[in-house]
Protein backbone atom coordinates (compact mmCIF):
# COMPACT_ATOMS: atom_id res chain seq x y z
CA MET A 1 27.02 -65.49 -15.06
CA ASN A 2 25.06 -64.34 -12.04
CA SER A 3 26.50 -60.86 -11.74
CA PRO A 4 23.83 -58.25 -12.50
CA PHE A 5 26.48 -55.90 -13.89
CA LEU A 6 27.74 -58.51 -16.35
CA GLN A 7 24.15 -59.27 -17.38
CA LEU A 8 23.56 -55.57 -18.03
CA LEU A 9 26.74 -55.32 -20.12
CA LEU A 10 25.69 -58.39 -22.09
CA ARG A 11 22.24 -56.89 -22.75
CA TRP A 12 23.87 -53.65 -23.95
CA LEU A 13 26.20 -55.64 -26.20
CA VAL A 14 23.27 -57.54 -27.72
CA LEU A 15 21.37 -54.28 -28.21
CA ALA A 16 24.43 -52.73 -29.89
CA ILE A 17 24.68 -55.73 -32.22
CA GLY A 18 20.97 -55.36 -33.05
CA VAL A 19 21.34 -51.67 -33.84
CA MET A 20 24.41 -52.36 -35.99
CA LEU A 21 22.51 -55.05 -37.90
CA ALA A 22 19.60 -52.69 -38.36
CA THR A 23 21.90 -50.05 -39.87
CA LYS A 24 23.32 -52.62 -42.29
CA LEU A 25 19.98 -54.17 -43.31
CA ILE A 26 17.46 -51.32 -43.25
CA PRO A 27 17.89 -48.38 -45.61
CA GLY A 28 17.32 -45.12 -43.81
CA ILE A 29 19.06 -46.05 -40.54
CA ALA A 30 22.67 -45.00 -39.99
CA TYR A 31 25.07 -43.94 -37.25
CA ASP A 32 28.29 -41.99 -37.56
CA THR A 33 30.68 -43.21 -34.85
CA GLY A 34 31.02 -45.83 -32.16
CA THR A 35 30.34 -43.15 -29.56
CA THR A 36 27.03 -42.42 -31.26
CA LEU A 37 26.21 -46.13 -31.14
CA LEU A 38 26.99 -46.20 -27.43
CA VAL A 39 24.70 -43.21 -26.79
CA VAL A 40 21.93 -44.86 -28.85
CA VAL A 41 22.23 -48.10 -26.87
CA LEU A 42 22.15 -46.27 -23.55
CA LEU A 43 19.15 -44.16 -24.56
CA LEU A 44 17.23 -47.14 -25.95
CA SER A 45 17.89 -49.04 -22.72
CA PHE A 46 16.80 -46.06 -20.63
CA PHE A 47 13.62 -45.55 -22.67
CA ASN A 48 12.81 -49.26 -22.50
CA VAL A 49 12.99 -49.08 -18.72
CA ILE A 50 11.25 -45.74 -18.17
CA LEU A 51 9.01 -44.85 -21.11
CA LYS A 52 7.99 -48.25 -22.45
CA PRO A 53 6.03 -49.37 -19.36
CA LEU A 54 4.11 -46.07 -19.38
CA LEU A 55 3.36 -46.37 -23.09
CA VAL A 56 2.22 -49.96 -22.63
CA LEU A 57 -0.04 -48.93 -19.77
CA PHE A 58 -1.69 -46.13 -21.75
CA THR A 59 -2.04 -48.17 -24.95
CA LEU A 60 -3.07 -51.46 -23.38
CA PRO A 61 -6.47 -51.62 -25.14
CA PHE A 62 -4.72 -51.08 -28.49
CA ILE A 63 -2.16 -53.77 -27.68
CA VAL A 64 -4.89 -56.24 -26.70
CA LEU A 65 -6.96 -55.35 -29.77
CA THR A 66 -4.00 -55.96 -32.09
CA MET A 67 -3.02 -59.13 -30.19
CA GLY A 68 0.39 -57.78 -29.22
CA LEU A 69 1.37 -56.16 -32.51
CA GLY A 70 0.99 -52.77 -30.84
CA MET A 71 4.20 -53.54 -28.94
CA ILE A 72 6.08 -53.44 -32.24
CA VAL A 73 4.64 -49.99 -32.90
CA ILE A 74 5.76 -48.83 -29.44
CA ASN A 75 9.27 -50.18 -30.08
CA ALA A 76 9.34 -48.41 -33.46
CA LEU A 77 8.25 -45.12 -31.88
CA LEU A 78 11.00 -45.40 -29.25
CA PHE A 79 13.52 -46.16 -32.02
CA LEU A 80 12.31 -43.14 -34.00
CA PHE A 81 12.45 -40.95 -30.88
CA VAL A 82 16.07 -41.92 -30.24
CA GLY A 83 16.80 -41.13 -33.89
CA LYS A 84 15.41 -37.61 -33.37
CA LEU A 85 17.35 -37.04 -30.13
CA VAL A 86 20.83 -38.28 -30.99
CA ASP A 87 22.97 -36.31 -33.42
CA GLY A 88 24.77 -38.72 -35.72
CA PHE A 89 22.02 -41.37 -35.59
CA GLN A 90 19.62 -41.08 -38.49
CA VAL A 91 16.26 -42.80 -38.79
CA ALA A 92 14.53 -41.76 -42.02
CA GLY A 93 10.94 -42.34 -40.95
CA PHE A 94 8.43 -44.59 -39.26
CA TRP A 95 8.89 -47.54 -41.64
CA SER A 96 12.65 -47.49 -41.19
CA ALA A 97 12.13 -47.32 -37.42
CA LEU A 98 9.69 -50.24 -37.63
CA GLY A 99 12.21 -52.34 -39.54
CA GLY A 100 14.99 -51.38 -37.15
CA ALA A 101 12.86 -52.20 -34.12
CA LEU A 102 11.97 -55.59 -35.61
CA ILE A 103 15.63 -56.42 -36.26
CA VAL A 104 16.64 -55.34 -32.75
CA SER A 105 13.81 -57.44 -31.29
CA VAL A 106 14.72 -60.53 -33.33
CA THR A 107 18.40 -60.12 -32.43
CA ASN A 108 17.55 -59.78 -28.76
CA PHE A 109 15.31 -62.86 -28.92
CA ALA A 110 17.93 -64.94 -30.74
CA PHE A 111 20.76 -64.03 -28.37
CA THR A 112 18.57 -64.54 -25.32
CA ARG A 113 17.65 -68.02 -26.52
CA ALA A 114 21.22 -68.87 -27.46
CA LEU A 115 22.71 -67.67 -24.17
CA ALA A 116 20.01 -69.01 -21.87
CA THR A 117 20.94 -71.90 -19.63
CA PRO A 118 18.74 -74.90 -20.30
CA ARG A 119 16.22 -75.70 -17.62
CA PRO A 120 15.94 -79.22 -16.35
CA PRO A 121 12.61 -80.86 -17.11
CA PRO A 122 10.08 -80.57 -14.31
CA ARG A 123 10.01 -83.51 -11.96
CA ARG A 124 6.81 -85.41 -11.68
CA PRO A 125 5.86 -86.49 -8.23
CA ARG A 126 5.86 -90.22 -7.76
CA GLN A 127 2.42 -91.60 -7.55
CA PRO A 128 1.65 -94.68 -5.57
CA PRO A 129 0.68 -97.72 -7.58
CA ASP A 130 -2.99 -98.14 -8.30
CA VAL A 131 -4.64 -100.28 -5.67
CA ILE A 132 -8.05 -101.73 -6.09
CA ASP A 133 -9.89 -102.36 -2.85
CA VAL A 134 -12.54 -105.02 -2.96
């Protein structure tokens, strides 16, 4: 699957599955309709492309200090922000957003691993046999 459009659709599908799982597993996260879910997926994708790099840039010392755990906080804040913007998508608070962001991240990681094409092992260059000059 080399088509960028199909890859984008697949990423949106995986994100939608992650959000649906988050609504089932985390109390305090809910959506009303499938249209709401579509809007949430599109907004999360948009914010991950536009806002997330800016947030990472401005909070880089915090991310380094927490050894990467600050990225989870950024994902939770984006999740909470989408919950505030979209009518019909409820996120009760920061801890619900944190749980939802973790589930979306784990879902994305699992699907990415499962759908990735295996790489062939790297080839070692042939080395000439050892020769001892006397």
